[in-house]
Amino acid sequence: LRFSATMSDKPDMAEIEKFGKSKLKKTETQEKNPLPSKETIEQEKQAGES
């Protein structure tokens, strides 16, 4: 699937250099799906058995 004939598979190095690291903001990584604790797993097991 090609969007246009001018699009190449290689990234445009000029675009990358122009972007630069200054535009990247430092963000705090937040766990979107933290793993459940052992207690939570046990509760869910018991709920499933009843």
PDB file of N, CA and C in Angstrom:
ATOM      1  N   LEU A   1       0.857  -1.201   0.000  1.00  0.00           N
ATOM      2  CA  LEU A   1       0.000   0.000   0.000  1.00  0.00           C
ATOM      3  C   LEU A   1       0.882   1.236   0.000  1.00  0.00           C
ATOM      4  N   ARG A   2       0.870   1.955  -1.109  1.00  0.00           N
ATOM      5  CA  ARG A   2       1.675   3.169  -1.219  1.00  0.00           C
ATOM      6  C   ARG A   2       0.759   4.380  -1.218  1.00  0.00           C
ATOM      7  N   PHE A   3       1.090   5.363  -0.406  1.00  0.00           N
ATOM      8  CA  PHE A   3       0.269   6.571  -0.360  1.00  0.00           C
ATOM      9  C   PHE A   3       0.632   7.521  -1.488  1.00  0.00           C
ATOM     10  N   SER A   4       1.926   7.602  -1.787  1.00  0.00           N
ATOM     11  CA  SER A   4       2.346   8.411  -2.931  1.00  0.00           C
ATOM     12  C   SER A   4       3.659   7.871  -3.463  1.00  0.00           C
ATOM     13  N   ALA A   5       3.978   8.196  -4.695  1.00  0.00           N
ATOM     14  CA  ALA A   5       5.181   7.673  -5.326  1.00  0.00           C
ATOM     15  C   ALA A   5       6.443   8.277  -4.706  1.00  0.00           C
ATOM     16  N   THR A   6       6.300   9.447  -4.072  1.00  0.00           N
ATOM     17  CA  THR A   6       7.481  10.116  -3.530  1.00  0.00           C
ATOM     18  C   THR A   6       7.866   9.583  -2.154  1.00  0.00           C
ATOM     19  N   MET A   7       6.951   8.875  -1.487  1.00  0.00           N
ATOM     20  CA  MET A   7       7.287   8.318  -0.176  1.00  0.00           C
ATOM     21  C   MET A   7       8.281   7.176  -0.338  1.00  0.00           C
ATOM     22  N   SER A   8       9.384   7.260   0.393  1.00  0.00           N
ATOM     23  CA  SER A   8      10.353   6.172   0.328  1.00  0.00           C
ATOM     24  C   SER A   8      10.358   5.425   1.654  1.00  0.00           C
ATOM     25  N   ASP A   9      10.984   4.263   1.666  1.00  0.00           N
ATOM     26  CA  ASP A   9      11.042   3.470   2.883  1.00  0.00           C
ATOM     27  C   ASP A   9      12.044   4.040   3.884  1.00  0.00           C
ATOM     28  N   LYS A  10      13.001   4.817   3.371  1.00  0.00           N
ATOM     29  CA  LYS A  10      14.014   5.378   4.260  1.00  0.00           C
ATOM     30  C   LYS A  10      13.512   6.689   4.864  1.00  0.00           C
ATOM     31  N   PRO A  11      13.829   6.931   6.146  1.00  0.00           N
ATOM     32  CA  PRO A  11      13.427   8.205   6.748  1.00  0.00           C
ATOM     33  C   PRO A  11      14.211   9.364   6.138  1.00  0.00           C
ATOM     34  N   ASP A  12      13.580  10.515   6.117  1.00  0.00           N
ATOM     35  CA  ASP A  12      14.223  11.718   5.594  1.00  0.00           C
ATOM     36  C   ASP A  12      15.138  12.275   6.680  1.00  0.00           C
ATOM     37  N   MET A  13      16.452  12.156   6.477  1.00  0.00           N
ATOM     38  CA  MET A  13      17.410  12.553   7.505  1.00  0.00           C
ATOM     39  C   MET A  13      17.313  14.036   7.838  1.00  0.00           C
ATOM     40  N   ALA A  14      17.000  14.860   6.846  1.00  0.00           N
ATOM     41  CA  ALA A  14      16.873  16.295   7.086  1.00  0.00           C
ATOM     42  C   ALA A  14      15.716  16.560   8.052  1.00  0.00           C
ATOM     43  N   GLU A  15      14.622  15.842   7.860  1.00  0.00           N
ATOM     44  CA  GLU A  15      13.471  15.996   8.750  1.00  0.00           C
ATOM     45  C   GLU A  15      13.828  15.603  10.179  1.00  0.00           C
ATOM     46  N   ILE A  16      14.567  14.512  10.307  1.00  0.00           N
ATOM     47  CA  ILE A  16      14.950  14.024  11.629  1.00  0.00           C
ATOM     48  C   ILE A  16      15.859  15.030  12.325  1.00  0.00           C
ATOM     49  N   GLU A  17      16.832  15.554  11.601  1.00  0.00           N
ATOM     50  CA  GLU A  17      17.763  16.511  12.194  1.00  0.00           C
ATOM     51  C   GLU A  17      17.046  17.801  12.568  1.00  0.00           C
ATOM     52  N   LYS A  18      16.082  18.195  11.743  1.00  0.00           N
ATOM     53  CA  LYS A  18      15.322  19.411  12.003  1.00  0.00           C
ATOM     54  C   LYS A  18      14.473  19.253  13.266  1.00  0.00           C
ATOM     55  N   PHE A  19      13.987  18.044  13.475  1.00  0.00           N
ATOM     56  CA  PHE A  19      13.144  17.779  14.639  1.00  0.00           C
ATOM     57  C   PHE A  19      13.923  18.027  15.927  1.00  0.00           C
ATOM     58  N   GLY A  20      15.034  17.342  16.069  1.00  0.00           N
ATOM     59  CA  GLY A  20      15.909  17.588  17.207  1.00  0.00           C
ATOM     60  C   GLY A  20      15.337  17.137  18.537  1.00  0.00           C
ATOM     61  N   LYS A  21      16.220  16.959  19.500  1.00  0.00           N
ATOM     62  CA  LYS A  21      15.805  16.491  20.820  1.00  0.00           C
ATOM     63  C   LYS A  21      15.137  17.590  21.630  1.00  0.00           C
ATOM     64  N   SER A  22      15.334  18.849  21.246  1.00  0.00           N
ATOM     65  CA  SER A  22      14.780  19.960  22.011  1.00  0.00           C
ATOM     66  C   SER A  22      13.257  19.934  22.022  1.00  0.00           C
ATOM     67  N   LYS A  23      12.662  19.326  20.992  1.00  0.00           N
ATOM     68  CA  LYS A  23      11.201  19.273  20.927  1.00  0.00           C
ATOM     69  C   LYS A  23      10.625  18.175  21.808  1.00  0.00           C
ATOM     70  N   LEU A  24      11.481  17.232  22.204  1.00  0.00           N
ATOM     71  CA  LEU A  24      11.002  16.133  23.029  1.00  0.00           C
ATOM     72  C   LEU A  24      10.935  16.584  24.484  1.00  0.00           C
ATOM     73  N   LYS A  25       9.763  16.426  25.080  1.00  0.00           N
ATOM     74  CA  LYS A  25       9.614  16.783  26.485  1.00  0.00           C
ATOM     75  C   LYS A  25       9.894  15.559  27.341  1.00  0.00           C
ATOM     76  N   LYS A  26      10.506  15.806  28.494  1.00  0.00           N
ATOM     77  CA  LYS A  26      10.719  14.706  29.426  1.00  0.00           C
ATOM     78  C   LYS A  26       9.398  14.444  30.133  1.00  0.00           C
ATOM     79  N   THR A  27       8.938  13.201  30.055  1.00  0.00           N
ATOM     80  CA  THR A  27       7.675  12.861  30.698  1.00  0.00           C
ATOM     81  C   THR A  27       7.887  11.765  31.716  1.00  0.00           C
ATOM     82  N   GLU A  28       7.070  11.790  32.740  1.00  0.00           N
ATOM     83  CA  GLU A  28       7.118  10.738  33.746  1.00  0.00           C
ATOM     84  C   GLU A  28       6.384   9.523  33.195  1.00  0.00           C
ATOM     85  N   THR A  29       7.052   8.391  33.231  1.00  0.00           N
ATOM     86  CA  THR A  29       6.430   7.168  32.742  1.00  0.00           C
ATOM     87  C   THR A  29       5.449   6.664  33.785  1.00  0.00           C
ATOM     88  N   GLN A  30       4.221   6.419  33.340  1.00  0.00           N
ATOM     89  CA  GLN A  30       3.224   5.870  34.252  1.00  0.00           C
ATOM     90  C   GLN A  30       2.791   4.506  33.754  1.00  0.00           C
ATOM     91  N   GLU A  31       2.729   3.557  34.672  1.00  0.00           N
ATOM     92  CA  GLU A  31       2.299   2.213  34.321  1.00  0.00           C
ATOM     93  C   GLU A  31       0.798   2.239  34.064  1.00  0.00           C
ATOM     94  N   LYS A  32       0.398   1.937  32.828  1.00  0.00           N
ATOM     95  CA  LYS A  32      -1.028   1.971  32.507  1.00  0.00           C
ATOM     96  C   LYS A  32      -1.743   0.747  33.054  1.00  0.00           C
ATOM     97  N   ASN A  33      -1.089  -0.399  32.977  1.00  0.00           N
ATOM     98  CA  ASN A  33      -1.690  -1.634  33.474  1.00  0.00           C
ATOM     99  C   ASN A  33      -0.784  -2.259  34.527  1.00  0.00           C
ATOM    100  N   PRO A  34      -0.819  -1.702  35.744  1.00  0.00           N
ATOM    101  CA  PRO A  34       0.017  -2.305  36.785  1.00  0.00           C
ATOM    102  C   PRO A  34      -0.471  -3.716  37.078  1.00  0.00           C
ATOM    103  N   LEU A  35       0.460  -4.595  37.388  1.00  0.00           N
ATOM    104  CA  LEU A  35       0.081  -5.974  37.668  1.00  0.00           C
ATOM    105  C   LEU A  35      -0.679  -6.034  38.984  1.00  0.00           C
ATOM    106  N   PRO A  36      -1.713  -6.870  39.053  1.00  0.00           N
ATOM    107  CA  PRO A  36      -2.471  -6.990  40.304  1.00  0.00           C
ATOM    108  C   PRO A  36      -1.622  -7.638  41.387  1.00  0.00           C
ATOM    109  N   SER A  37      -1.924  -7.288  42.631  1.00  0.00           N
ATOM    110  CA  SER A  37      -1.190  -7.884  43.742  1.00  0.00           C
ATOM    111  C   SER A  37      -1.667  -9.312  43.960  1.00  0.00           C
ATOM    112  N   LYS A  38      -0.912 -10.069  44.769  1.00  0.00           N
ATOM    113  CA  LYS A  38      -1.303 -11.453  45.054  1.00  0.00           C
ATOM    114  C   LYS A  38      -2.680 -11.491  45.712  1.00  0.00           C
ATOM    115  N   GLU A  39      -2.954 -10.483  46.570  1.00  0.00           N
ATOM    116  CA  GLU A  39      -4.249 -10.428  47.257  1.00  0.00           C
ATOM    117  C   GLU A  39      -5.382 -10.312  46.243  1.00  0.00           C
ATOM    118  N   THR A  40      -5.202  -9.439  45.268  1.00  0.00           N
ATOM    119  CA  THR A  40      -6.237  -9.231  44.251  1.00  0.00           C
ATOM    120  C   THR A  40      -6.482 -10.515  43.473  1.00  0.00           C
ATOM    121  N   ILE A  41      -5.407 -11.213  43.132  1.00  0.00           N
ATOM    122  CA  ILE A  41      -5.531 -12.459  42.374  1.00  0.00           C
ATOM    123  C   ILE A  41      -6.299 -13.494  43.191  1.00  0.00           C
ATOM    124  N   GLU A  42      -5.975 -13.602  44.482  1.00  0.00           N
ATOM    125  CA  GLU A  42      -6.669 -14.556  45.354  1.00  0.00           C
ATOM    126  C   GLU A  42      -8.155 -14.230  45.440  1.00  0.00           C
ATOM    127  N   GLN A  43      -8.479 -12.949  45.593  1.00  0.00           N
ATOM    128  CA  GLN A  43      -9.886 -12.536  45.683  1.00  0.00           C
ATOM    129  C   GLN A  43     -10.630 -12.909  44.408  1.00  0.00           C
ATOM    130  N   GLU A  44      -9.994 -12.688  43.267  1.00  0.00           N
ATOM    131  CA  GLU A  44     -10.649 -12.993  41.996  1.00  0.00           C
ATOM    132  C   GLU A  44     -10.836 -14.502  41.824  1.00  0.00           C
ATOM    133  N   LYS A  45      -9.849 -15.286  42.289  1.00  0.00           N
ATOM    134  CA  LYS A  45      -9.967 -16.743  42.220  1.00  0.00           C
ATOM    135  C   LYS A  45     -11.161 -17.210  43.044  1.00  0.00           C
ATOM    136  N   GLN A  46     -11.271 -16.668  44.271  1.00  0.00           N
ATOM    137  CA  GLN A  46     -12.363 -17.061  45.163  1.00  0.00           C
ATOM    138  C   GLN A  46     -13.704 -16.633  44.577  1.00  0.00           C
ATOM    139  N   ALA A  47     -13.765 -15.460  43.986  1.00  0.00           N
ATOM    140  CA  ALA A  47     -15.005 -14.964  43.389  1.00  0.00           C
ATOM    141  C   ALA A  47     -15.413 -15.852  42.220  1.00  0.00           C
ATOM    142  N   GLY A  48     -14.433 -16.358  41.485  1.00  0.00           N
ATOM    143  CA  GLY A  48     -14.725 -17.199  40.336  1.00  0.00           C
ATOM    144  C   GLY A  48     -15.213 -18.580  40.726  1.00  0.00           C
ATOM    145  N   GLU A  49     -14.802 -19.054  41.917  1.00  0.00           N
ATOM    146  CA  GLU A  49     -15.173 -20.400  42.356  1.00  0.00           C
ATOM    147  C   GLU A  49     -16.603 -20.465  42.860  1.00  0.00           C
ATOM    148  N   SER A  50     -17.101 -19.396  43.457  1.00  0.00           N
ATOM    149  CA  SER A  50     -18.436 -19.420  44.073  1.00  0.00           C
ATOM    150  C   SER A  50     -19.544 -19.468  43.037  1.00  0.00           C
TER     151      SER A  50
END
